Amino acid sequence: MRRIGWVIVLAVLCVWTTDVASQQPPLFGGLGEKLPWAFPPRVEKPFPEDPAPQSLPGSSRKYTQAQVDNLLNPPDWFPDRHPAPPEVVVKGRGGALACGACHLMSGLGHPESSDLTGLTAPYIVQQMLDFKSGARREPARMNAIATDVSDADAQLAAEYFAALPRRTFVRVVEAAMVPRTFLGNGRMRFVEPGGAMEPIGNRIIMVPDDQARARLRDPYSGFLAYVPPGSVARGKDLVETGGGRTVGCAICHGLDLKGQASIPRLAGMHPIYTVRQLYWFKDGTRKGVDAALMQLPVVRLTDDDIVAISAYLASLAP
C-alpha cells in the first residue's frame, strides 16, 4: 500500500509540474504567440550534442559545440580580423553574457540579436542605459545583461562594436513558398529536413546561408531572408514617402538610411530585428530617449506595413 501511495504522489506531481510548465508565460507574451517567426519562442528542436572538436575554413582554432554554445566564453575564430576586444565582449560573468556570444566578434549578430556595426558608441551606450533602467524591455536577455554590466564596460563594448566595419550579412529574396523551418539552438530558424515547403503568408523567414557555420557562430556566415512577393517595392514606397501612413524614414535616419549623428542606421539590418522594434515602439514596450520620436511614425502601421518596411530596409547596402 505504501508503494502504491508513492506512485500516486509521483503521478500527481508529474501532472502538476506539466500543468505549471504549460502555464508559464511565453517569452514574448502575445506577440510571441501571434508572430513566432519574429519573436522566437523557446527552442523547438534542439540539436543532438556532438563532443567532437569543430573547425571553420580559414581558422586555426578548434572548439567543441559545447564550447561554441558557452555564452560566457564564446569562440573567437578569427582574432586577427578585428581589434583586440575588451573583456566584456569575450568573457561574461554573473548575469552578463559575453557580448560576442550573440552579436558575434564581428558585431554582425544573428537574427535574434542586433547587428551593432555602423551604430555610434553613444547610441549603443544609451541603449544599455535604457535596458538597465527598464525603459527599453527585451524579455529574452538584454535587461538582465545590462543590469550586470558596469557603465565602464558598456562604454568599452560600445567603442569596440562602433569601430567594426559594416558588411552585407543578409540576402533578401521574395518568395511565395518557403522551406518549412523549426526553431533550433541559438533561437535561430533552420530548414526542416526533407524539403517540405509552405506558403510564406505575411512573414519574414530567416535561415542561415550555411547551417553548420551558423551553429558554430561563424562571424562571417550570413543569412537568407525570405519575404513576401511585392514587399520590397511596397516597403520602398513606405520608407521613402510614408505611403499616407507614416513619414519618410530619411528625415531622421539620413538619405541613405545609414544613420546620422546618434540616430541608428536602418539599411541592411536583420529584418526580423527591425520587425520587433517597430512592434515594440507601437505597443509601448520600447521606451527611452528615442522612443518618443518613433511613436507617431508607427501608430498607423499595419502588420503588412511592418513586414514590407523591414524587408525593404534589409535589402539595402548597410
Protein backbone atom coordinates (compact mmCIF):
# COMPACT_ATOMS: atom_id res chain seq x y z
CA MET A 1 0.00 0.00 0.00
CA ARG A 2 2.87 2.35 0.84
CA ARG A 3 4.41 1.72 -2.60
CA ILE A 4 1.06 2.41 -4.31
CA GLY A 5 0.77 5.62 -2.31
CA TRP A 6 4.15 6.83 -3.56
CA VAL A 7 3.18 6.00 -7.15
CA ILE A 8 0.03 8.11 -6.77
CA VAL A 9 2.02 11.00 -5.27
CA LEU A 10 4.57 10.88 -8.07
CA ALA A 11 1.83 10.77 -10.69
CA VAL A 12 0.15 13.82 -9.17
CA LEU A 13 3.47 15.68 -9.04
CA CYS A 14 4.14 14.91 -12.69
CA VAL A 15 0.74 16.16 -13.73
CA TRP A 16 1.14 19.29 -11.57
CA THR A 17 4.63 20.00 -12.98
CA THR A 18 3.43 19.56 -16.56
CA ASP A 19 0.45 21.81 -15.91
CA VAL A 20 2.63 24.51 -14.34
CA ALA A 21 5.07 24.36 -17.24
CA SER A 22 2.22 24.69 -19.72
CA GLN A 23 1.05 27.80 -17.87
CA GLN A 24 4.42 29.56 -17.98
CA PRO A 25 4.02 32.83 -19.91
CA PRO A 26 5.51 32.74 -23.41
CA LEU A 27 8.83 34.53 -23.79
CA PHE A 28 7.39 37.46 -25.75
CA GLY A 29 3.81 37.35 -24.48
CA GLY A 30 1.07 37.84 -27.05
CA LEU A 31 3.49 38.85 -29.80
CA GLY A 32 5.34 35.56 -29.44
CA GLU A 33 2.09 33.67 -29.97
CA LYS A 34 0.94 35.90 -32.84
CA LEU A 35 4.30 36.25 -34.62
CA PRO A 36 6.58 33.35 -33.65
CA TRP A 37 8.65 33.90 -36.81
CA ALA A 38 9.76 37.32 -35.48
CA PHE A 39 9.53 36.79 -31.72
CA PRO A 40 11.21 33.40 -31.32
CA PRO A 41 9.74 31.25 -28.54
CA ARG A 42 11.69 28.52 -26.80
CA VAL A 43 13.78 26.08 -28.84
CA GLU A 44 11.51 23.58 -30.62
CA LYS A 45 14.10 21.01 -31.72
CA PRO A 46 17.50 21.10 -30.00
CA PHE A 47 20.31 19.55 -31.98
CA PRO A 48 21.98 16.45 -30.51
CA GLU A 49 25.22 17.04 -28.66
CA ASP A 50 28.43 16.45 -30.60
CA PRO A 51 31.61 16.26 -28.48
CA ALA A 52 33.98 16.28 -31.46
CA PRO A 53 36.15 19.38 -31.98
CA GLN A 54 34.87 21.55 -34.84
CA SER A 55 36.72 23.89 -37.20
CA LEU A 56 35.98 26.61 -39.74
CA PRO A 57 37.72 27.27 -43.06
CA GLY A 58 40.45 29.85 -42.63
CA SER A 59 40.69 29.45 -38.86
CA SER A 60 43.38 27.53 -37.00
CA ARG A 61 41.19 27.19 -33.92
CA LYS A 62 39.03 24.28 -32.84
CA TYR A 63 36.07 24.26 -30.46
CA THR A 64 33.55 21.67 -29.42
CA GLN A 65 29.89 22.58 -29.86
CA ALA A 66 29.61 22.92 -26.07
CA GLN A 67 32.40 25.49 -26.12
CA VAL A 68 30.75 27.32 -29.01
CA ASP A 69 27.47 27.47 -27.08
CA ASN A 70 29.09 28.75 -23.88
CA LEU A 71 27.57 32.23 -23.70
CA LEU A 72 30.05 33.27 -21.01
CA ASN A 73 33.07 32.35 -23.13
CA PRO A 74 32.13 32.30 -26.84
CA PRO A 75 34.58 31.35 -29.62
CA ASP A 76 36.80 33.86 -31.35
CA TRP A 77 37.50 32.07 -34.60
CA PHE A 78 39.40 34.88 -36.31
CA PRO A 79 41.17 37.03 -33.69
CA ASP A 80 43.43 38.53 -36.34
CA ARG A 81 40.49 40.05 -38.27
CA HIS A 82 39.37 42.54 -35.64
CA PRO A 83 40.88 44.81 -32.99
CA ALA A 84 41.55 43.32 -29.58
CA PRO A 85 38.10 43.23 -27.90
CA PRO A 86 37.56 44.35 -24.31
CA GLU A 87 37.00 41.61 -21.77
CA VAL A 88 33.24 42.22 -21.59
CA VAL A 89 32.94 41.22 -25.26
CA VAL A 90 34.73 37.89 -24.87
CA LYS A 91 34.04 36.94 -21.23
CA GLY A 92 30.76 37.00 -19.35
CA ARG A 93 30.19 36.96 -15.63
CA GLY A 94 27.12 36.75 -13.46
CA GLY A 95 24.02 37.55 -15.48
CA ALA A 96 26.08 39.41 -18.07
CA LEU A 97 26.72 37.16 -21.04
CA ALA A 98 29.71 37.92 -23.24
CA CYS A 99 28.63 40.45 -25.89
CA GLY A 100 30.34 38.43 -28.62
CA ALA A 101 28.17 35.39 -27.92
CA CYS A 102 25.07 36.85 -29.59
CA HIS A 103 26.44 39.83 -31.51
CA LEU A 104 29.50 37.84 -32.66
CA MET A 105 33.05 39.15 -32.65
CA SER A 106 32.27 40.83 -35.98
CA GLY A 107 29.33 42.71 -34.45
CA LEU A 108 27.06 41.44 -37.23
CA GLY A 109 24.87 39.39 -34.92
CA HIS A 110 22.29 36.68 -35.53
CA PRO A 111 18.60 37.28 -36.33
CA GLU A 112 17.67 37.02 -32.64
CA SER A 113 20.04 39.87 -31.81
CA SER A 114 21.09 43.16 -33.38
CA ASP A 115 23.78 43.98 -35.90
CA LEU A 116 25.83 46.57 -33.98
CA THR A 117 28.13 47.68 -36.78
CA GLY A 118 27.50 51.16 -38.09
CA LEU A 119 25.95 52.29 -34.81
CA THR A 120 27.66 55.04 -32.85
CA ALA A 121 29.16 54.40 -29.43
CA PRO A 122 26.89 56.99 -27.74
CA TYR A 123 23.83 55.30 -29.24
CA ILE A 124 24.90 51.86 -28.00
CA VAL A 125 25.68 53.24 -24.54
CA GLN A 126 22.25 54.86 -24.34
CA GLN A 127 20.54 51.60 -25.27
CA MET A 128 22.41 49.83 -22.47
CA LEU A 129 21.26 52.52 -20.03
CA ASP A 130 17.67 52.10 -21.26
CA PHE A 131 17.91 48.31 -20.87
CA LYS A 132 19.35 48.74 -17.39
CA SER A 133 16.62 51.15 -16.27
CA GLY A 134 13.86 49.04 -17.84
CA ALA A 135 12.80 51.87 -20.16
CA ARG A 136 13.61 49.52 -23.03
CA ARG A 137 12.47 45.96 -22.46
CA GLU A 138 13.77 42.87 -24.22
CA PRO A 139 12.41 39.84 -22.36
CA ALA A 140 14.88 37.28 -23.66
CA ARG A 141 18.18 38.58 -22.28
CA MET A 142 19.20 42.21 -22.58
CA ASN A 143 17.59 43.62 -19.45
CA ALA A 144 19.33 41.05 -17.24
CA ILE A 145 22.62 41.51 -19.09
CA ALA A 146 22.56 45.31 -18.83
CA THR A 147 21.87 45.10 -15.10
CA ASP A 148 25.14 43.22 -14.54
CA VAL A 149 27.31 45.24 -16.96
CA SER A 150 29.05 48.26 -15.49
CA ASP A 151 28.79 51.61 -17.23
CA ALA A 152 32.54 51.48 -17.88
CA ASP A 153 32.29 48.06 -19.56
CA ALA A 154 29.29 49.20 -21.61
CA GLN A 155 31.37 52.13 -22.89
CA LEU A 156 34.28 49.84 -23.84
CA ALA A 157 31.97 47.42 -25.66
CA ALA A 158 30.21 50.27 -27.45
CA GLU A 159 33.50 51.71 -28.70
CA TYR A 160 34.63 48.26 -29.89
CA PHE A 161 31.48 47.48 -31.89
CA ALA A 162 31.12 51.03 -33.27
CA ALA A 163 34.61 50.74 -34.79
CA LEU A 164 33.91 47.49 -36.68
CA PRO A 165 33.23 47.58 -40.44
CA ARG A 166 29.74 47.13 -41.82
CA ARG A 167 29.15 44.16 -44.11
CA THR A 168 26.25 42.82 -46.10
CA PHE A 169 25.07 39.96 -43.89
CA VAL A 170 21.52 39.41 -45.14
CA ARG A 171 20.26 38.43 -48.60
CA VAL A 172 16.62 39.27 -49.26
CA VAL A 173 14.63 37.02 -51.61
CA GLU A 174 10.93 37.40 -52.43
CA ALA A 175 9.14 34.04 -52.48
CA ALA A 176 5.55 32.85 -52.28
CA MET A 177 6.66 29.43 -50.98
CA VAL A 178 9.42 28.91 -48.42
CA PRO A 179 11.08 25.93 -46.77
CA ARG A 180 9.40 24.65 -43.63
CA THR A 181 11.56 25.58 -40.64
CA PHE A 182 11.96 24.92 -36.93
CA LEU A 183 13.46 26.92 -34.09
CA GLY A 184 16.74 25.34 -33.09
CA ASN A 185 19.69 26.16 -30.87
CA GLY A 186 20.54 29.84 -30.62
CA ARG A 187 16.86 30.71 -31.23
CA MET A 188 17.55 30.58 -34.97
CA ARG A 189 15.37 29.01 -37.61
CA PHE A 190 16.72 26.05 -39.58
CA VAL A 191 15.31 24.31 -42.62
CA GLU A 192 13.42 21.10 -41.86
CA PRO A 193 15.00 18.01 -43.44
CA GLY A 194 13.02 16.55 -46.32
CA GLY A 195 12.48 19.66 -48.43
CA ALA A 196 8.88 20.41 -47.36
CA MET A 197 7.61 23.84 -48.45
CA GLU A 198 4.82 26.09 -47.17
CA PRO A 199 3.23 29.45 -48.12
CA ILE A 200 5.11 32.42 -46.72
CA GLY A 201 1.97 34.38 -45.86
CA ASN A 202 2.71 37.70 -44.17
CA ARG A 203 6.00 36.59 -42.65
CA ILE A 204 9.74 37.01 -42.99
CA ILE A 205 11.55 33.69 -42.71
CA MET A 206 15.27 33.88 -41.97
CA VAL A 207 17.57 30.89 -42.29
CA PRO A 208 21.37 30.60 -42.31
CA ASP A 209 23.22 30.59 -45.61
CA ASP A 210 25.21 27.72 -44.13
CA GLN A 211 23.53 25.92 -41.24
CA ALA A 212 26.70 24.28 -39.90
CA ARG A 213 28.69 27.53 -39.90
CA ALA A 214 25.86 29.46 -38.25
CA ARG A 215 25.66 26.89 -35.46
CA LEU A 216 29.40 27.35 -34.90
CA ARG A 217 28.88 31.14 -34.62
CA ASP A 218 30.95 31.88 -37.68
CA PRO A 219 31.10 35.69 -37.56
CA TYR A 220 31.09 35.99 -41.35
CA SER A 221 28.47 33.42 -42.38
CA GLY A 222 25.28 35.35 -43.15
CA PHE A 223 21.56 34.76 -43.57
CA LEU A 224 18.87 34.46 -46.20
CA ALA A 225 15.64 36.36 -45.57
CA TYR A 226 12.58 35.17 -47.49
CA VAL A 227 9.98 37.95 -47.77
CA PRO A 228 6.51 38.08 -49.38
CA PRO A 229 6.31 38.87 -53.11
CA GLY A 230 5.99 42.61 -53.72
CA SER A 231 7.01 43.53 -50.18
CA VAL A 232 10.31 45.18 -51.13
CA ALA A 233 8.67 47.62 -53.58
CA ARG A 234 5.86 48.35 -51.14
CA GLY A 235 8.34 48.88 -48.34
CA LYS A 236 10.36 51.24 -50.53
CA ASP A 237 7.29 53.42 -51.05
CA LEU A 238 6.51 53.49 -47.32
CA VAL A 239 10.10 54.26 -46.35
CA GLU A 240 10.56 56.99 -48.96
CA THR A 241 7.13 58.68 -48.97
CA GLY A 242 5.29 57.40 -45.92
CA GLY A 243 2.56 56.00 -48.15
CA GLY A 244 -0.04 58.10 -46.33
CA ARG A 245 0.56 56.08 -43.13
CA THR A 246 3.84 57.36 -41.75
CA VAL A 247 6.68 59.76 -42.55
CA GLY A 248 9.71 59.14 -44.71
CA CYS A 249 12.46 57.43 -42.70
CA ALA A 250 15.22 59.58 -44.26
CA ILE A 251 14.06 62.63 -42.29
CA CYS A 252 15.79 61.23 -39.20
CA HIS A 253 17.89 58.30 -40.38
CA GLY A 254 19.64 60.03 -43.30
CA LEU A 255 19.13 59.98 -47.05
CA ASP A 256 20.99 56.68 -47.35
CA LEU A 257 19.28 55.32 -44.20
CA LYS A 258 22.70 54.60 -42.71
CA GLY A 259 22.06 56.80 -39.71
CA GLN A 260 23.22 60.26 -38.77
CA ALA A 261 24.69 61.53 -35.51
CA SER A 262 23.35 59.12 -32.87
CA ILE A 263 20.28 58.13 -34.86
CA PRO A 264 20.85 54.48 -35.87
CA ARG A 265 21.21 53.06 -39.32
CA LEU A 266 18.32 51.07 -40.76
CA ALA A 267 19.88 49.88 -44.02
CA GLY A 268 20.93 46.25 -44.10
CA MET A 269 19.72 45.35 -40.59
CA HIS A 270 18.30 41.91 -39.81
CA PRO A 271 14.68 42.31 -40.94
CA ILE A 272 13.07 40.40 -38.09
CA TYR A 273 15.03 42.57 -35.66
CA THR A 274 13.50 45.62 -37.36
CA VAL A 275 10.06 43.99 -37.15
CA ARG A 276 10.44 43.53 -33.40
CA GLN A 277 11.49 47.12 -32.82
CA LEU A 278 8.57 48.53 -34.81
CA TYR A 279 6.07 46.43 -32.86
CA TRP A 280 7.71 47.37 -29.56
CA PHE A 281 7.65 51.07 -30.43
CA LYS A 282 4.00 50.69 -31.38
CA ASP A 283 2.83 48.86 -28.23
CA GLY A 284 4.98 50.93 -25.86
CA THR A 285 7.32 48.10 -24.84
CA ARG A 286 10.28 50.10 -26.12
CA LYS A 287 10.65 53.41 -24.36
CA GLY A 288 13.72 55.50 -23.70
CA VAL A 289 15.09 58.69 -25.20
CA ASP A 290 14.48 57.67 -28.82
CA ALA A 291 11.02 56.18 -28.35
CA ALA A 292 9.16 59.50 -28.31
CA LEU A 293 10.39 60.21 -31.84
CA MET A 294 9.09 56.84 -33.07
CA GLN A 295 5.63 56.73 -31.52
CA LEU A 296 3.83 58.82 -34.16
CA PRO A 297 5.59 57.24 -37.19
CA VAL A 298 4.48 53.72 -36.15
CA VAL A 299 0.99 54.34 -34.78
CA ARG A 300 -0.82 53.75 -38.11
CA LEU A 301 1.40 50.95 -39.44
CA THR A 302 -0.36 47.65 -40.15
CA ASP A 303 1.21 44.20 -39.90
CA ASP A 304 1.67 44.25 -43.70
CA ASP A 305 3.37 47.66 -43.49
CA ILE A 306 5.82 46.48 -40.84
CA VAL A 307 6.80 43.42 -42.87
CA ALA A 308 7.23 45.50 -46.05
CA ILE A 309 9.30 48.21 -44.39
CA SER A 310 11.55 45.65 -42.72
CA ALA A 311 12.02 43.70 -45.97
CA TYR A 312 12.99 46.80 -47.94
CA LEU A 313 15.41 48.10 -45.32
CA ALA A 314 17.13 44.72 -45.12
CA SER A 315 17.62 44.72 -48.90
CA LEU A 316 19.76 47.88 -48.77
CA ALA A 317 23.53 48.00 -48.51
CA PRO A 318 24.49 48.59 -44.86
